[in-house]
N, C-alpha and C. Protein backbone atom coordinates (compact mmCIF):
# COMPACT_ATOMS: atom_id res chain seq x y z
N MET A 1 -81.28 30.67 -8.13
CA MET A 1 -79.96 30.52 -7.53
C MET A 1 -80.07 29.98 -6.11
N GLU A 2 -81.14 30.35 -5.39
CA GLU A 2 -81.32 29.86 -4.02
C GLU A 2 -81.46 28.34 -4.00
N ALA A 3 -82.13 27.78 -5.01
CA ALA A 3 -82.32 26.33 -5.07
C ALA A 3 -81.00 25.61 -5.22
N THR A 4 -80.11 26.14 -6.08
CA THR A 4 -78.81 25.49 -6.25
C THR A 4 -77.92 25.72 -5.03
N ASP A 5 -78.06 26.86 -4.37
CA ASP A 5 -77.32 27.09 -3.11
C ASP A 5 -77.72 26.06 -2.06
N ALA A 6 -79.01 25.84 -1.92
CA ALA A 6 -79.52 24.87 -0.95
C ALA A 6 -79.08 23.45 -1.33
N ALA A 7 -79.13 23.14 -2.62
CA ALA A 7 -78.71 21.82 -3.09
C ALA A 7 -77.22 21.60 -2.82
N ALA A 8 -76.42 22.64 -3.07
CA ALA A 8 -74.97 22.54 -2.82
C ALA A 8 -74.69 22.35 -1.33
N ALA A 9 -75.41 23.06 -0.47
CA ALA A 9 -75.22 22.92 0.98
C ALA A 9 -75.61 21.52 1.45
N ALA A 10 -76.71 20.99 0.93
CA ALA A 10 -77.13 19.63 1.29
C ALA A 10 -76.11 18.60 0.79
N ALA A 11 -75.56 18.84 -0.40
CA ALA A 11 -74.54 17.94 -0.95
C ALA A 11 -73.28 17.97 -0.09
N ARG A 12 -72.88 19.16 0.33
CA ARG A 12 -71.70 19.30 1.18
C ARG A 12 -71.91 18.54 2.50
N ASP A 13 -73.13 18.62 3.07
CA ASP A 13 -73.45 17.88 4.30
C ASP A 13 -73.34 16.37 4.07
N ALA A 14 -73.83 15.89 2.93
CA ALA A 14 -73.75 14.46 2.61
C ALA A 14 -72.30 14.01 2.46
N VAL A 15 -71.49 14.86 1.83
CA VAL A 15 -70.06 14.54 1.67
C VAL A 15 -69.37 14.50 3.03
N ASP A 16 -69.66 15.46 3.89
CA ASP A 16 -69.05 15.49 5.23
C ASP A 16 -69.44 14.25 6.03
N ALA A 17 -70.69 13.82 5.92
CA ALA A 17 -71.15 12.61 6.62
C ALA A 17 -70.44 11.37 6.08
N ALA A 18 -70.22 11.34 4.78
CA ALA A 18 -69.52 10.21 4.17
C ALA A 18 -68.07 10.14 4.65
N VAL A 19 -67.41 11.28 4.72
CA VAL A 19 -66.01 11.31 5.20
C VAL A 19 -65.95 10.80 6.63
N ARG A 20 -66.86 11.27 7.49
CA ARG A 20 -66.87 10.83 8.89
C ARG A 20 -67.08 9.31 8.98
N ALA A 21 -68.04 8.79 8.24
CA ALA A 21 -68.35 7.36 8.30
C ALA A 21 -67.18 6.51 7.79
N LEU A 22 -66.55 6.94 6.71
CA LEU A 22 -65.42 6.17 6.16
C LEU A 22 -64.21 6.23 7.09
N ALA A 23 -63.96 7.38 7.67
CA ALA A 23 -62.84 7.52 8.60
C ALA A 23 -63.07 6.67 9.85
N GLU A 24 -64.29 6.71 10.39
CA GLU A 24 -64.60 5.91 11.59
C GLU A 24 -64.48 4.42 11.33
N ALA A 25 -64.82 3.99 10.12
CA ALA A 25 -64.75 2.58 9.76
C ALA A 25 -63.36 2.15 9.32
N SER A 26 -62.43 3.10 9.25
CA SER A 26 -61.08 2.83 8.72
C SER A 26 -61.17 2.11 7.37
N ALA A 27 -62.04 2.61 6.51
CA ALA A 27 -62.27 2.00 5.20
C ALA A 27 -61.00 2.06 4.35
N ARG A 28 -60.86 1.07 3.51
CA ARG A 28 -59.70 0.93 2.63
C ARG A 28 -59.61 2.13 1.68
N THR A 29 -58.42 2.68 1.57
CA THR A 29 -58.18 3.79 0.64
C THR A 29 -57.33 3.32 -0.53
N GLU A 30 -57.31 4.14 -1.55
CA GLU A 30 -56.45 3.92 -2.71
C GLU A 30 -55.64 5.19 -2.90
N THR A 31 -54.66 5.13 -3.76
CA THR A 31 -53.77 6.26 -3.97
C THR A 31 -54.21 7.08 -5.17
N LEU A 32 -54.44 8.36 -4.95
CA LEU A 32 -54.71 9.28 -6.05
C LEU A 32 -53.37 9.83 -6.50
N ALA A 33 -53.11 9.78 -7.80
CA ALA A 33 -51.82 10.21 -8.32
C ALA A 33 -52.00 10.98 -9.62
N GLU A 34 -50.95 11.67 -9.99
CA GLU A 34 -50.90 12.39 -11.26
C GLU A 34 -49.84 11.72 -12.13
N TYR A 35 -50.19 11.38 -13.35
CA TYR A 35 -49.25 10.76 -14.27
C TYR A 35 -48.31 11.82 -14.82
N MET A 36 -47.02 11.58 -14.70
CA MET A 36 -45.99 12.47 -15.22
C MET A 36 -45.31 11.75 -16.39
N PRO A 37 -45.53 12.19 -17.62
CA PRO A 37 -44.97 11.48 -18.78
C PRO A 37 -43.44 11.54 -18.80
N PRO A 38 -42.82 10.67 -19.59
CA PRO A 38 -41.36 10.71 -19.70
C PRO A 38 -40.90 12.07 -20.23
N ARG A 39 -39.74 12.51 -19.77
CA ARG A 39 -39.22 13.81 -20.21
C ARG A 39 -37.71 13.81 -20.03
N ARG A 40 -37.11 14.89 -20.49
CA ARG A 40 -35.66 15.05 -20.33
C ARG A 40 -35.40 16.16 -19.33
N VAL A 41 -34.48 15.90 -18.41
CA VAL A 41 -34.05 16.89 -17.43
C VAL A 41 -32.57 17.11 -17.67
N LEU A 42 -32.22 18.32 -18.11
CA LEU A 42 -30.83 18.65 -18.46
C LEU A 42 -30.25 17.64 -19.44
N GLY A 43 -31.09 17.23 -20.41
CA GLY A 43 -30.65 16.31 -21.44
C GLY A 43 -30.67 14.85 -21.04
N ILE A 44 -30.98 14.56 -19.79
CA ILE A 44 -31.00 13.17 -19.33
C ILE A 44 -32.44 12.68 -19.34
N PRO A 45 -32.68 11.53 -20.00
CA PRO A 45 -34.05 11.03 -20.05
C PRO A 45 -34.53 10.61 -18.66
N ARG A 46 -35.75 10.97 -18.36
CA ARG A 46 -36.36 10.59 -17.08
C ARG A 46 -37.63 9.80 -17.41
N ALA A 47 -37.75 8.62 -16.81
CA ALA A 47 -38.87 7.73 -17.09
C ALA A 47 -40.18 8.32 -16.58
N ALA A 48 -41.27 7.86 -17.15
CA ALA A 48 -42.60 8.25 -16.69
C ALA A 48 -42.77 7.79 -15.25
N ARG A 49 -43.54 8.56 -14.49
CA ARG A 49 -43.80 8.19 -13.10
C ARG A 49 -45.11 8.80 -12.66
N MET A 50 -45.57 8.34 -11.51
CA MET A 50 -46.79 8.89 -10.92
C MET A 50 -46.38 9.72 -9.71
N ARG A 51 -46.98 10.89 -9.58
CA ARG A 51 -46.75 11.74 -8.41
C ARG A 51 -47.95 11.58 -7.49
N VAL A 52 -47.68 11.15 -6.27
CA VAL A 52 -48.76 10.89 -5.31
C VAL A 52 -49.42 12.20 -4.88
N ILE A 53 -50.74 12.23 -4.95
CA ILE A 53 -51.52 13.37 -4.46
C ILE A 53 -52.02 13.08 -3.05
N GLY A 54 -52.48 11.85 -2.83
CA GLY A 54 -52.92 11.46 -1.50
C GLY A 54 -53.88 10.29 -1.53
N PRO A 55 -54.30 9.83 -0.35
CA PRO A 55 -55.25 8.71 -0.29
C PRO A 55 -56.68 9.18 -0.58
N VAL A 56 -57.45 8.31 -1.22
CA VAL A 56 -58.86 8.58 -1.51
C VAL A 56 -59.66 7.30 -1.31
N TRP A 57 -60.95 7.50 -1.09
CA TRP A 57 -61.86 6.37 -1.09
C TRP A 57 -62.52 6.35 -2.46
N ARG A 58 -62.54 5.18 -3.11
CA ARG A 58 -63.20 5.08 -4.41
C ARG A 58 -64.62 4.61 -4.19
N LEU A 59 -65.56 5.44 -4.59
CA LEU A 59 -66.99 5.19 -4.42
C LEU A 59 -67.65 5.14 -5.78
N GLY A 60 -67.35 4.11 -6.54
CA GLY A 60 -67.90 3.99 -7.89
C GLY A 60 -67.36 5.05 -8.81
N VAL A 61 -68.22 5.93 -9.31
CA VAL A 61 -67.80 6.96 -10.26
C VAL A 61 -67.18 8.17 -9.57
N LEU A 62 -67.17 8.16 -8.23
CA LEU A 62 -66.61 9.28 -7.46
C LEU A 62 -65.45 8.83 -6.60
N LEU A 63 -64.53 9.75 -6.37
CA LEU A 63 -63.46 9.59 -5.39
C LEU A 63 -63.69 10.65 -4.33
N LEU A 64 -63.35 10.31 -3.08
CA LEU A 64 -63.53 11.23 -1.97
C LEU A 64 -62.28 11.20 -1.12
N ASP A 65 -61.73 12.38 -0.78
CA ASP A 65 -60.57 12.39 0.11
C ASP A 65 -61.00 12.82 1.50
N ALA A 66 -60.08 12.73 2.45
CA ALA A 66 -60.38 13.00 3.85
C ALA A 66 -60.76 14.46 4.10
N ASP A 67 -60.43 15.36 3.18
CA ASP A 67 -60.79 16.77 3.31
C ASP A 67 -62.14 17.07 2.68
N GLY A 68 -62.82 16.04 2.16
CA GLY A 68 -64.14 16.24 1.56
C GLY A 68 -64.12 16.69 0.12
N ARG A 69 -62.98 16.58 -0.55
CA ARG A 69 -62.92 16.92 -1.97
C ARG A 69 -63.41 15.73 -2.79
N LEU A 70 -64.21 16.03 -3.79
CA LEU A 70 -64.73 15.01 -4.69
C LEU A 70 -64.00 15.06 -6.03
N TYR A 71 -63.83 13.89 -6.64
CA TYR A 71 -63.23 13.76 -7.96
C TYR A 71 -64.05 12.77 -8.76
N ALA A 72 -64.09 12.95 -10.07
CA ALA A 72 -64.64 11.93 -10.95
C ALA A 72 -63.54 10.88 -11.12
N THR A 73 -63.88 9.62 -10.91
CA THR A 73 -62.90 8.55 -11.00
C THR A 73 -62.28 8.54 -12.39
N GLY A 74 -60.96 8.46 -12.44
CA GLY A 74 -60.25 8.41 -13.71
C GLY A 74 -59.88 6.98 -14.06
N ARG A 75 -58.64 6.78 -14.38
CA ARG A 75 -58.13 5.44 -14.72
C ARG A 75 -57.59 4.79 -13.46
N VAL A 76 -57.69 3.48 -13.40
CA VAL A 76 -57.27 2.73 -12.21
C VAL A 76 -56.30 1.64 -12.65
N VAL A 77 -55.15 1.57 -11.95
CA VAL A 77 -54.17 0.50 -12.18
C VAL A 77 -53.65 0.01 -10.83
N ARG A 78 -52.99 -1.12 -10.86
CA ARG A 78 -52.31 -1.62 -9.68
C ARG A 78 -50.81 -1.45 -9.93
N ALA A 79 -50.11 -0.86 -8.96
CA ALA A 79 -48.67 -0.62 -9.11
C ALA A 79 -47.95 -1.96 -9.27
N GLU A 80 -47.07 -2.01 -10.26
CA GLU A 80 -46.38 -3.26 -10.56
C GLU A 80 -45.04 -2.94 -11.22
N ARG A 81 -44.00 -3.63 -10.76
CA ARG A 81 -42.68 -3.41 -11.38
C ARG A 81 -42.71 -3.78 -12.84
N GLU A 82 -41.86 -3.07 -13.58
CA GLU A 82 -41.77 -3.32 -15.02
C GLU A 82 -41.13 -4.68 -15.26
N VAL A 83 -41.77 -5.44 -16.14
CA VAL A 83 -41.26 -6.76 -16.50
C VAL A 83 -41.20 -6.80 -18.02
N ARG A 84 -40.11 -7.28 -18.53
CA ARG A 84 -39.99 -7.36 -20.00
C ARG A 84 -40.77 -8.59 -20.48
N ARG A 85 -41.77 -8.32 -21.29
CA ARG A 85 -42.58 -9.37 -21.88
C ARG A 85 -42.89 -8.98 -23.31
N SER A 86 -43.06 -9.99 -24.14
CA SER A 86 -43.48 -9.65 -25.50
C SER A 86 -44.95 -9.27 -25.43
N VAL A 87 -45.26 -8.18 -26.04
CA VAL A 87 -46.62 -7.65 -25.97
C VAL A 87 -47.20 -7.60 -27.38
N LEU A 88 -48.39 -8.15 -27.50
CA LEU A 88 -49.05 -8.11 -28.80
C LEU A 88 -49.97 -6.91 -28.93
N ALA A 89 -50.61 -6.54 -27.86
CA ALA A 89 -51.58 -5.45 -27.93
C ALA A 89 -50.99 -4.17 -27.34
N GLU A 90 -51.22 -3.08 -28.05
CA GLU A 90 -50.71 -1.78 -27.59
C GLU A 90 -51.37 -1.37 -26.28
N SER A 91 -52.64 -1.69 -26.11
CA SER A 91 -53.35 -1.33 -24.88
C SER A 91 -52.76 -2.05 -23.67
N VAL A 92 -52.32 -3.29 -23.85
CA VAL A 92 -51.69 -4.03 -22.75
C VAL A 92 -50.35 -3.39 -22.40
N ALA A 93 -49.58 -3.02 -23.40
CA ALA A 93 -48.30 -2.36 -23.17
C ALA A 93 -48.49 -1.03 -22.45
N GLU A 94 -49.52 -0.28 -22.84
CA GLU A 94 -49.81 1.00 -22.20
C GLU A 94 -50.17 0.79 -20.73
N GLN A 95 -51.00 -0.20 -20.45
CA GLN A 95 -51.41 -0.49 -19.07
C GLN A 95 -50.19 -0.88 -18.23
N ARG A 96 -49.31 -1.69 -18.77
CA ARG A 96 -48.09 -2.09 -18.05
C ARG A 96 -47.19 -0.88 -17.79
N ALA A 97 -47.13 0.04 -18.74
CA ALA A 97 -46.31 1.24 -18.55
C ALA A 97 -46.85 2.10 -17.42
N TYR A 98 -48.18 2.23 -17.32
CA TYR A 98 -48.78 2.98 -16.21
C TYR A 98 -48.48 2.30 -14.88
N ARG A 99 -48.56 0.99 -14.84
CA ARG A 99 -48.26 0.25 -13.61
C ARG A 99 -46.81 0.49 -13.17
N ALA A 100 -45.90 0.44 -14.13
CA ALA A 100 -44.49 0.67 -13.81
C ALA A 100 -44.24 2.11 -13.37
N ALA A 101 -44.95 3.06 -14.00
CA ALA A 101 -44.80 4.47 -13.62
C ALA A 101 -45.23 4.68 -12.18
N ALA A 102 -46.21 3.95 -11.73
CA ALA A 102 -46.66 4.06 -10.34
C ALA A 102 -45.54 3.64 -9.38
N VAL A 103 -44.89 2.53 -9.67
CA VAL A 103 -43.79 2.06 -8.82
C VAL A 103 -42.63 3.04 -8.87
N LYS A 104 -42.33 3.57 -10.05
CA LYS A 104 -41.24 4.55 -10.18
C LYS A 104 -41.54 5.83 -9.42
N GLY A 105 -42.81 6.10 -9.17
CA GLY A 105 -43.21 7.28 -8.40
C GLY A 105 -43.19 7.04 -6.90
N GLY A 106 -42.79 5.84 -6.48
CA GLY A 106 -42.69 5.56 -5.05
C GLY A 106 -43.93 4.91 -4.45
N ILE A 107 -44.86 4.52 -5.28
CA ILE A 107 -46.06 3.85 -4.78
C ILE A 107 -45.74 2.37 -4.58
N PRO A 108 -46.08 1.83 -3.42
CA PRO A 108 -45.74 0.42 -3.16
C PRO A 108 -46.37 -0.53 -4.17
N GLU A 109 -45.61 -1.56 -4.51
CA GLU A 109 -46.10 -2.55 -5.44
C GLU A 109 -47.36 -3.21 -4.89
N GLY A 110 -48.35 -3.38 -5.74
CA GLY A 110 -49.61 -3.99 -5.34
C GLY A 110 -50.67 -2.98 -4.93
N ALA A 111 -50.28 -1.73 -4.70
CA ALA A 111 -51.26 -0.71 -4.30
C ALA A 111 -52.11 -0.31 -5.51
N THR A 112 -53.37 0.00 -5.25
CA THR A 112 -54.26 0.47 -6.30
C THR A 112 -54.08 1.97 -6.47
N VAL A 113 -53.91 2.40 -7.71
CA VAL A 113 -53.63 3.79 -8.03
C VAL A 113 -54.70 4.32 -8.98
N VAL A 114 -55.23 5.49 -8.67
CA VAL A 114 -56.21 6.16 -9.53
C VAL A 114 -55.55 7.43 -10.05
N PHE A 115 -55.60 7.62 -11.37
CA PHE A 115 -55.04 8.84 -11.96
C PHE A 115 -55.98 9.34 -13.05
N ASP A 116 -55.71 10.51 -13.55
CA ASP A 116 -56.59 11.19 -14.51
C ASP A 116 -57.95 11.49 -13.89
N ALA A 117 -58.00 11.64 -12.58
CA ALA A 117 -59.24 11.98 -11.89
C ALA A 117 -59.50 13.48 -12.05
N VAL A 118 -60.76 13.84 -12.22
CA VAL A 118 -61.14 15.23 -12.44
C VAL A 118 -61.77 15.79 -11.17
N PRO A 119 -61.23 16.88 -10.61
CA PRO A 119 -61.84 17.49 -9.42
C PRO A 119 -63.26 17.98 -9.73
N LEU A 120 -64.15 17.80 -8.77
CA LEU A 120 -65.54 18.23 -8.92
C LEU A 120 -65.86 19.29 -7.87
N ALA A 121 -66.49 20.37 -8.30
CA ALA A 121 -66.87 21.44 -7.38
C ALA A 121 -68.30 21.22 -6.91
N LEU A 122 -68.52 21.53 -5.65
CA LEU A 122 -69.86 21.42 -5.06
C LEU A 122 -70.35 22.81 -4.67
N ASP A 123 -70.48 23.68 -5.64
CA ASP A 123 -71.01 25.00 -5.35
C ASP A 123 -72.09 25.32 -6.38
N ALA A 124 -72.83 26.37 -6.11
CA ALA A 124 -73.96 26.72 -6.97
C ALA A 124 -73.53 27.00 -8.41
N ASP A 125 -72.39 27.65 -8.59
CA ASP A 125 -71.92 27.97 -9.95
C ASP A 125 -71.62 26.71 -10.74
N ALA A 126 -70.95 25.74 -10.09
CA ALA A 126 -70.60 24.49 -10.77
C ALA A 126 -71.86 23.70 -11.11
N LEU A 127 -72.84 23.74 -10.22
CA LEU A 127 -74.07 22.99 -10.46
C LEU A 127 -74.94 23.65 -11.53
N ALA A 128 -74.80 24.96 -11.71
CA ALA A 128 -75.57 25.66 -12.74
C ALA A 128 -75.11 25.26 -14.14
N ALA A 129 -73.85 24.87 -14.27
CA ALA A 129 -73.30 24.40 -15.55
C ALA A 129 -72.79 22.98 -15.36
N PRO A 130 -73.71 22.00 -15.29
CA PRO A 130 -73.30 20.63 -14.97
C PRO A 130 -72.40 20.03 -16.04
N SER A 131 -71.47 19.22 -15.58
CA SER A 131 -70.62 18.48 -16.50
C SER A 131 -70.11 17.26 -15.76
N GLY A 132 -70.01 16.18 -16.47
CA GLY A 132 -69.42 14.99 -15.88
C GLY A 132 -70.34 14.26 -14.91
N ALA A 133 -69.79 13.92 -13.76
CA ALA A 133 -70.46 13.03 -12.82
C ALA A 133 -71.56 13.69 -12.00
N LEU A 134 -71.52 15.01 -11.80
CA LEU A 134 -72.52 15.69 -10.98
C LEU A 134 -73.43 16.57 -11.83
N ALA A 135 -74.70 16.59 -11.47
CA ALA A 135 -75.66 17.42 -12.19
C ALA A 135 -76.84 17.72 -11.27
N PRO A 136 -77.48 18.88 -11.46
CA PRO A 136 -78.67 19.15 -10.65
C PRO A 136 -79.82 18.25 -11.12
N MET A 137 -80.67 17.89 -10.17
CA MET A 137 -81.84 17.09 -10.50
C MET A 137 -82.99 17.50 -9.60
N THR A 138 -84.18 17.15 -9.98
CA THR A 138 -85.35 17.45 -9.18
C THR A 138 -85.70 16.22 -8.36
N GLY A 139 -85.77 16.39 -7.04
CA GLY A 139 -86.09 15.29 -6.15
C GLY A 139 -87.58 14.98 -6.16
N ALA A 140 -87.96 13.95 -5.43
CA ALA A 140 -89.35 13.52 -5.35
C ALA A 140 -90.24 14.64 -4.78
N ASP A 141 -89.64 15.47 -3.92
CA ASP A 141 -90.41 16.57 -3.31
C ASP A 141 -90.42 17.84 -4.17
N GLY A 142 -89.82 17.77 -5.35
CA GLY A 142 -89.80 18.91 -6.26
C GLY A 142 -88.64 19.86 -6.03
N ALA A 143 -87.85 19.61 -5.00
CA ALA A 143 -86.70 20.47 -4.70
C ALA A 143 -85.50 20.09 -5.57
N THR A 144 -84.68 21.08 -5.86
CA THR A 144 -83.44 20.82 -6.60
C THR A 144 -82.43 20.17 -5.67
N GLN A 145 -81.75 19.15 -6.18
CA GLN A 145 -80.68 18.51 -5.41
C GLN A 145 -79.57 18.09 -6.36
N VAL A 146 -78.45 17.73 -5.79
CA VAL A 146 -77.31 17.30 -6.59
C VAL A 146 -77.47 15.81 -6.88
N GLY A 147 -77.31 15.47 -8.16
CA GLY A 147 -77.39 14.08 -8.57
C GLY A 147 -76.05 13.59 -9.07
N VAL A 148 -75.87 12.28 -9.01
CA VAL A 148 -74.66 11.62 -9.52
C VAL A 148 -75.05 10.87 -10.79
N ARG A 149 -74.29 11.11 -11.85
CA ARG A 149 -74.51 10.38 -13.10
C ARG A 149 -73.68 9.09 -13.00
N TRP A 150 -74.34 8.02 -12.58
CA TRP A 150 -73.63 6.76 -12.32
C TRP A 150 -73.32 5.99 -13.59
N ASP A 151 -73.94 6.36 -14.70
CA ASP A 151 -73.62 5.75 -15.99
C ASP A 151 -73.42 6.88 -16.99
N PRO A 152 -72.16 7.18 -17.34
CA PRO A 152 -71.89 8.34 -18.20
C PRO A 152 -72.51 8.24 -19.59
N SER A 153 -72.88 7.04 -20.01
CA SER A 153 -73.45 6.90 -21.36
C SER A 153 -74.95 7.18 -21.40
N ARG A 154 -75.57 7.36 -20.21
CA ARG A 154 -77.01 7.61 -20.15
C ARG A 154 -77.29 8.94 -19.45
N ALA A 155 -77.96 9.83 -20.14
CA ALA A 155 -78.27 11.15 -19.57
C ALA A 155 -79.25 11.04 -18.40
N ASP A 156 -80.09 10.01 -18.39
CA ASP A 156 -81.09 9.87 -17.34
C ASP A 156 -80.61 9.03 -16.15
N ALA A 157 -79.37 8.65 -16.13
CA ALA A 157 -78.84 7.80 -15.07
C ALA A 157 -78.38 8.64 -13.88
N LEU A 158 -79.32 9.35 -13.28
CA LEU A 158 -79.02 10.21 -12.13
C LEU A 158 -79.64 9.62 -10.87
N ILE A 159 -78.90 9.71 -9.77
CA ILE A 159 -79.38 9.30 -8.46
C ILE A 159 -78.96 10.40 -7.50
N PRO A 160 -79.77 10.71 -6.50
CA PRO A 160 -79.38 11.77 -5.56
C PRO A 160 -78.03 11.47 -4.90
N LEU A 161 -77.19 12.49 -4.80
CA LEU A 161 -75.85 12.33 -4.24
C LEU A 161 -75.89 11.71 -2.84
N ALA A 162 -76.78 12.18 -1.99
CA ALA A 162 -76.84 11.66 -0.62
C ALA A 162 -77.13 10.16 -0.61
N SER A 163 -78.06 9.71 -1.44
CA SER A 163 -78.39 8.28 -1.53
C SER A 163 -77.21 7.48 -2.08
N TYR A 164 -76.61 8.03 -3.13
CA TYR A 164 -75.47 7.35 -3.76
C TYR A 164 -74.33 7.19 -2.76
N LEU A 165 -73.99 8.27 -2.06
CA LEU A 165 -72.90 8.20 -1.09
C LEU A 165 -73.23 7.23 0.04
N ALA A 166 -74.45 7.26 0.55
CA ALA A 166 -74.83 6.37 1.65
C ALA A 166 -74.66 4.91 1.24
N GLU A 167 -75.10 4.56 0.04
CA GLU A 167 -74.98 3.19 -0.45
C GLU A 167 -73.52 2.78 -0.63
N ARG A 168 -72.74 3.64 -1.28
CA ARG A 168 -71.34 3.32 -1.56
C ARG A 168 -70.50 3.30 -0.29
N VAL A 169 -70.78 4.20 0.64
CA VAL A 169 -70.06 4.22 1.92
C VAL A 169 -70.33 2.93 2.69
N GLU A 170 -71.58 2.50 2.71
CA GLU A 170 -71.93 1.26 3.41
C GLU A 170 -71.19 0.07 2.81
N LEU A 171 -71.12 0.00 1.49
CA LEU A 171 -70.40 -1.10 0.83
C LEU A 171 -68.90 -1.08 1.14
N LEU A 172 -68.31 0.10 1.17
CA LEU A 172 -66.88 0.20 1.43
C LEU A 172 -66.55 0.02 2.91
N ALA A 173 -67.38 0.58 3.77
CA ALA A 173 -67.13 0.48 5.21
C ALA A 173 -67.46 -0.91 5.75
N HIS A 174 -68.46 -1.57 5.16
CA HIS A 174 -68.88 -2.90 5.62
C HIS A 174 -69.08 -3.79 4.40
N PRO A 175 -67.98 -4.23 3.79
CA PRO A 175 -68.11 -5.02 2.56
C PRO A 175 -68.83 -6.35 2.84
N PRO A 176 -69.55 -6.85 1.87
CA PRO A 176 -70.23 -8.15 2.04
C PRO A 176 -69.20 -9.23 2.32
N GLN A 177 -69.61 -10.24 3.05
CA GLN A 177 -68.68 -11.32 3.40
C GLN A 177 -68.17 -11.98 2.12
N GLY A 178 -66.88 -12.19 2.07
CA GLY A 178 -66.25 -12.81 0.91
C GLY A 178 -65.81 -11.84 -0.15
N ALA A 179 -66.13 -10.57 0.03
CA ALA A 179 -65.75 -9.58 -0.99
C ALA A 179 -64.31 -9.13 -0.79
């Protein structure tokens, strides 16, 4: 348990450093939202919409907010007003509906919206039962550390959280020219 406690503390330090670096760089944020499906209120139909949770930095498979909370990246859309078009594919119609729901939720048109994001805990208990994007791993020095599963289809696709955050923060804070 001491190893996972130490790994969780080191991970928390890496997350705090990432938040400081992104805030100092005024890095671009995206909107984290919750999808609210269509429903009836007192018998009146209410359209689907997105409820804004707050701004986040998207760092590949992870989202990070200014308070240091981590999320596994969910679905990503760009807010767009609903336009009537003939649609052949159901997946295209679904994507357009999510875009329209974002605008109906008050998100400015053109903003990038992330929803269906899963909160991730950085404590010893959560690391003892890994799931999703974070998992314990053994570092080069033999110590336990928190790893990021950067490819969900591969069990061995783990990289240390501190390294992953440093690389992703650098890309977001100082994007390559032309990006």
